[in-house]
Protein backbone atom coordinates (compact mmCIF):
# COMPACT_ATOMS: atom_id res chain seq x y z
CA UNK A 1 -34.35 72.12 208.00
CA UNK A 2 -31.30 73.62 205.78
CA UNK A 3 -27.90 72.24 206.78
CA UNK A 4 -25.27 74.68 207.71
CA UNK A 5 -22.78 74.82 204.79
CA UNK A 6 -19.79 75.48 207.46
CA UNK A 7 -20.73 71.89 208.56
CA UNK A 8 -20.35 69.96 205.45
CA UNK A 9 -17.82 67.68 204.96
CA UNK A 10 -14.11 67.69 206.47
CA UNK A 11 -12.56 70.62 207.44
CA UNK A 12 -8.94 71.83 206.65
CA UNK A 13 -7.08 70.70 209.51
CA UNK A 14 -9.04 67.24 209.69
CA UNK A 15 -8.84 66.72 205.68
CA UNK A 16 -5.06 67.43 205.82
CA UNK A 17 -4.61 65.03 208.78
CA UNK A 18 -6.48 62.36 206.49
CA UNK A 19 -4.37 63.09 203.60
CA UNK A 20 -1.30 62.53 206.06
CA UNK A 21 -2.48 59.32 207.62
CA UNK A 22 -2.94 58.43 203.92
CA UNK A 23 0.63 59.54 202.84
CA UNK A 24 2.02 57.41 205.89
CA UNK A 25 0.27 54.17 204.87
CA UNK A 26 1.22 54.57 201.04
CA UNK A 27 4.63 54.80 202.27
CA UNK A 28 4.69 51.80 204.47
CA UNK A 29 3.61 49.90 201.60
CA UNK A 30 6.04 51.20 199.43
CA UNK A 31 8.74 50.20 201.92
CA UNK A 32 7.11 46.89 202.35
CA UNK A 33 7.57 46.67 198.47
CA UNK A 34 10.92 47.42 198.69
CA UNK A 35 11.96 44.60 201.31
CA UNK A 36 10.40 42.03 199.27
CA UNK A 37 11.99 43.36 196.08
CA UNK A 38 15.44 43.23 198.36
CA UNK A 39 14.68 39.52 199.02
CA UNK A 40 13.81 38.55 195.54
CA UNK A 41 17.21 40.29 194.74
CA UNK A 42 19.15 38.62 196.98
CA UNK A 43 17.79 35.23 196.24
CA UNK A 44 17.74 35.31 192.82
CA UNK A 45 21.57 36.90 192.87
CA UNK A 46 22.78 33.74 195.16
CA UNK A 47 20.82 31.08 192.74
CA UNK A 48 22.37 32.90 189.49
CA UNK A 49 25.51 32.93 191.07
CA UNK A 50 25.46 29.16 192.26
CA UNK A 51 24.26 27.80 188.97
CA UNK A 52 27.06 29.95 186.78
CA UNK A 53 29.70 28.11 189.12
CA UNK A 54 28.15 24.91 188.67
CA UNK A 55 28.23 24.99 184.80
CA UNK A 56 31.32 26.58 184.58
CA UNK A 57 33.19 23.41 185.71
CA UNK A 58 33.72 20.13 183.62
CA UNK A 59 30.68 18.26 184.67
CA UNK A 60 28.32 20.89 184.31
CA UNK A 61 29.68 21.91 180.72
CA UNK A 62 28.91 18.05 179.94
CA UNK A 63 25.57 18.52 181.23
CA UNK A 64 25.17 21.65 179.59
CA UNK A 65 26.36 20.17 176.26
CA UNK A 66 24.30 16.78 176.26
CA UNK A 67 21.17 17.28 178.22
CA UNK A 68 17.88 19.44 177.30
CA UNK A 69 16.62 20.09 180.55
CA UNK A 70 20.18 21.74 181.63
CA UNK A 71 20.27 23.96 178.25
CA UNK A 72 16.42 24.97 179.29
CA UNK A 73 17.57 25.71 182.71
CA UNK A 74 20.38 27.90 181.48
CA UNK A 75 18.12 30.05 179.09
CA UNK A 76 15.92 30.74 182.20
CA UNK A 77 18.89 31.72 184.38
CA UNK A 78 20.25 34.05 181.51
CA UNK A 79 16.71 35.75 181.17
CA UNK A 80 17.01 35.95 185.32
CA UNK A 81 20.22 37.66 185.12
CA UNK A 82 19.93 40.12 182.15
CA UNK A 83 16.30 41.09 182.19
CA UNK A 84 14.55 40.41 185.70
CA UNK A 85 17.84 41.11 188.07
CA UNK A 86 18.29 44.85 186.36
CA UNK A 87 14.55 45.52 186.38
CA UNK A 88 14.76 44.45 190.71
CA UNK A 89 17.90 46.11 191.16
CA UNK A 90 16.89 49.73 188.89
CA UNK A 91 13.40 49.62 190.69
CA UNK A 92 14.23 48.81 194.41
CA UNK A 93 15.77 52.25 195.53
CA UNK A 94 13.15 54.35 193.67
CA UNK A 95 10.40 51.92 195.82
CA UNK A 96 12.69 52.90 199.15
CA UNK A 97 13.15 56.76 198.06
CA UNK A 98 8.70 56.87 197.18
CA UNK A 99 8.37 55.00 200.45
CA UNK A 100 10.17 57.08 202.95
CA UNK A 101 9.43 60.48 201.08
CA UNK A 102 5.85 59.51 201.12
CA UNK A 103 5.96 58.30 205.21
CA UNK A 104 8.14 61.91 205.84
CA UNK A 105 5.38 64.23 203.88
CA UNK A 106 2.45 62.24 205.92
CA UNK A 107 4.35 62.88 209.35
CA UNK A 108 4.82 66.46 208.45
CA UNK A 109 1.33 66.74 207.52
CA UNK A 110 -0.08 65.25 210.84
CA UNK A 111 2.37 67.32 212.85
CA UNK A 112 1.94 70.79 211.41
CA UNK A 113 -1.47 70.61 209.58
CA UNK A 114 -1.91 74.54 208.87
CA UNK A 115 1.23 74.90 206.81
CA UNK A 116 0.89 71.51 205.00
CA UNK A 117 -2.69 72.75 203.64
CA UNK A 118 -1.26 75.99 202.40
CA UNK A 119 1.37 74.03 200.67
CA UNK A 120 -1.55 71.29 199.07
CA UNK A 121 -3.67 74.01 198.29
CA UNK A 122 -0.84 75.65 196.40
CA UNK A 123 0.31 72.69 194.36
CA UNK A 124 -3.79 72.26 194.00
CA UNK A 125 -3.88 69.01 195.73
CA UNK A 126 -6.59 69.78 197.68
CA UNK A 127 -9.44 72.21 196.86
CA UNK A 128 -11.93 74.80 198.85
CA UNK A 129 -15.29 75.10 197.72
CA UNK A 130 -15.21 78.70 198.33
CA UNK A 131 -13.30 81.25 199.60
CA UNK A 132 -15.14 81.29 202.97
CA UNK A 133 -16.36 77.93 203.69
CA UNK A 134 -14.34 75.36 205.50
CA UNK A 135 -14.92 72.16 203.46
CA UNK A 136 -12.11 70.77 201.43
CA UNK A 137 -12.15 68.19 199.25
CA UNK A 138 -9.52 66.59 197.08
CA UNK A 139 -9.18 67.72 193.56
CA UNK A 140 -9.75 65.25 191.01
CA UNK A 141 -6.37 65.30 189.72
CA UNK A 142 -5.42 64.26 192.90
CA UNK A 143 -8.09 61.09 193.32
CA UNK A 144 -6.47 60.13 189.74
CA UNK A 145 -2.97 59.87 190.87
CA UNK A 146 -3.87 58.25 194.18
CA UNK A 147 -6.29 55.56 191.95
CA UNK A 148 -3.14 54.89 189.68
CA UNK A 149 -0.48 54.39 192.52
CA UNK A 150 -3.12 51.87 194.07
CA UNK A 151 -3.79 50.10 190.91
CA UNK A 152 -0.08 50.12 190.37
CA UNK A 153 0.94 48.40 193.87
CA UNK A 154 -2.05 46.18 193.31
CA UNK A 155 -0.56 45.18 189.86
CA UNK A 156 2.79 44.73 191.43
CA UNK A 157 2.08 42.94 194.66
CA UNK A 158 -0.51 40.12 192.64
CA UNK A 159 2.74 39.55 190.29
CA UNK A 160 4.58 38.74 193.61
CA UNK A 161 1.93 36.64 194.58
CA UNK A 162 1.47 34.79 191.55
CA UNK A 163 5.32 33.94 191.30
CA UNK A 164 5.44 32.58 194.63
CA UNK A 165 6.91 28.79 194.04
CA UNK A 166 5.04 28.11 197.24
CA UNK A 167 1.39 28.80 195.55
CA UNK A 168 1.99 25.99 193.48
CA UNK A 169 2.92 23.32 196.19
CA UNK A 170 -0.05 21.10 195.39
CA UNK A 171 0.46 21.05 191.64
CA UNK A 172 4.41 20.15 192.38
CA UNK A 173 3.30 17.09 195.08
CA UNK A 174 0.71 16.09 192.62
CA UNK A 175 3.39 15.83 189.81
CA UNK A 176 6.18 14.30 192.03
CA UNK A 177 3.90 11.47 193.43
CA UNK A 178 2.68 10.91 189.61
CA UNK A 179 6.08 10.10 188.58
CA UNK A 180 7.72 8.19 191.36
CA UNK A 181 4.12 5.84 190.95
CA UNK A 182 4.87 5.81 187.16
CA UNK A 183 8.48 4.35 187.73
CA UNK A 184 7.51 1.88 189.99
CA UNK A 185 4.42 0.55 188.22
CA UNK A 186 6.26 0.07 185.08
CA UNK A 187 9.13 -1.64 187.06
CA UNK A 188 7.28 -4.27 188.67
CA UNK A 189 5.41 -4.90 185.72
CA UNK A 190 8.71 -5.81 184.34
CA UNK A 191 9.41 -7.56 187.46
CA UNK A 192 6.46 -9.74 186.77
CA UNK A 193 7.53 -10.80 183.08
CA UNK A 194 10.97 -11.06 183.59
CA UNK A 195 11.70 -11.30 187.44
CA UNK A 196 14.64 -8.85 186.99
CA UNK A 197 15.05 -5.14 187.08
CA UNK A 198 14.67 -3.55 183.88
CA UNK A 199 16.31 -0.06 182.45
CA UNK A 200 14.57 2.68 181.72
CA UNK A 201 14.35 1.96 177.94
CA UNK A 202 13.52 -1.58 178.69
CA UNK A 203 10.32 -0.98 180.90
CA UNK A 204 9.28 2.16 178.68
CA UNK A 205 9.76 4.67 181.19
CA UNK A 206 9.80 8.59 179.53
CA UNK A 207 10.51 11.25 182.02
CA UNK A 208 8.15 14.12 181.74
CA UNK A 209 9.11 17.60 181.11
CA UNK A 210 8.62 19.46 184.31
CA UNK A 211 9.25 22.82 185.28
CA UNK A 212 9.63 21.86 188.82
CA UNK A 213 11.89 19.10 188.68
CA UNK A 214 14.26 17.52 186.88
CA UNK A 215 13.64 13.59 186.79
CA UNK A 216 17.32 11.74 186.35
CA UNK A 217 18.72 8.45 186.38
CA UNK A 218 20.70 7.03 189.44
CA UNK A 219 22.90 4.42 188.12
CA UNK A 220 21.07 1.91 185.73
CA UNK A 221 17.62 1.09 187.52
CA UNK A 222 16.80 3.93 190.13
CA UNK A 223 15.17 7.18 189.34
CA UNK A 224 15.64 10.38 191.12
CA UNK A 225 13.61 14.07 191.24
CA UNK A 226 15.60 17.11 191.63
CA UNK A 227 14.05 20.49 193.09
CA UNK A 228 14.56 22.92 190.47
CA UNK A 229 13.72 25.58 193.12
CA UNK A 230 12.97 26.44 196.68
CA UNK A 231 9.34 26.34 198.01
CA UNK A 232 8.19 26.63 201.11
CA UNK A 233 10.87 25.11 203.53
CA UNK A 234 11.95 22.39 200.98
CA UNK A 235 15.42 23.73 199.44
CA UNK A 236 16.43 23.69 195.93
CA UNK A 237 18.64 21.01 194.21
CA UNK A 238 16.50 18.79 196.87
CA UNK A 239 16.40 15.19 195.77
CA UNK A 240 13.55 12.33 196.21
CA UNK A 241 14.73 8.86 195.05
CA UNK A 242 13.53 5.36 194.20
CA UNK A 243 15.42 2.55 194.27
CA UNK A 244 14.80 -1.27 193.45
CA UNK A 245 16.21 -4.63 194.70
CA UNK A 246 15.20 -8.29 194.03
CA UNK A 247 15.46 -10.44 197.23
CA UNK A 248 15.31 -13.98 197.64
CA UNK A 249 16.81 -16.92 195.43
CA UNK A 250 14.28 -19.60 194.48
CA UNK A 251 11.49 -17.02 195.01
CA UNK A 252 12.23 -13.69 193.84
CA UNK A 253 10.56 -10.81 195.14
CA UNK A 254 10.91 -6.94 194.26
CA UNK A 255 11.30 -4.13 196.93
CA UNK A 256 10.41 -0.84 196.31
CA UNK A 257 12.65 2.24 198.40
CA UNK A 258 11.42 5.56 198.78
CA UNK A 259 13.42 8.11 200.17
CA UNK A 260 12.87 12.09 200.48
CA UNK A 261 14.78 15.18 201.41
CA UNK A 262 14.55 16.45 204.79
CA UNK A 263 12.12 19.38 204.94
CA UNK A 264 10.34 18.30 201.69
CA UNK A 265 6.96 16.75 201.27
CA UNK A 266 7.61 13.00 201.22
CA UNK A 267 6.74 10.30 199.05
CA UNK A 268 5.19 7.03 200.04
CA UNK A 269 7.61 4.55 200.86
CA UNK A 270 5.42 0.80 199.75
CA UNK A 271 7.37 -2.37 200.58
């Protein structure tokens, strides 16, 4: 049986309404992305301002001049300040504007499909099969533009997701546990030989290079890990500690104490 060409495909009004729903959906995505960029802008600005204030005082300048970790951190901060923040601040208004524009255009197409269809035809966003037929379809140009927009959004959201600090939580926990166990192991071995506590140099401990933590001395013998960035509920600059104590007089015993910051992963406290 031959199919009536009048019933093939979407009608003009239905096509316009589908297009309007797509524009509203696209607008919501852009506005959501704008809020993500706004959060990233506020967070990064706060971190940079606090860090710059920290390194502007005497102790900060001393650390910057004498410790490689602080020098590396300053390079990262300058990169965020000079490159990342201007990009976010420049992109944010465009993203919000595009989101609002797409949303309003979509709502207009849903409420007023007839004038919208005429406008879309003039712009060649929609295309008629022939003069008498009802069915509409999107032009190739429109499909290519829409595909490009969604591909761009996919890439942007992928970058945001990959840069999320909480994504690397298991890796951070493993590194934290490894370093804490290493300093404890070496201190126990030294105590077994000397019946005394040893400095990092004496026990042979060298802190690993880490992009997540600063491994620092605490007095002569103790160890601490300082969090470089916020992840999940754990604030930046949180500190995990491992300290040692020798008890007893005739029969000496090594005590190991581990403490973890509030709202952060706990490291085991072995006695």
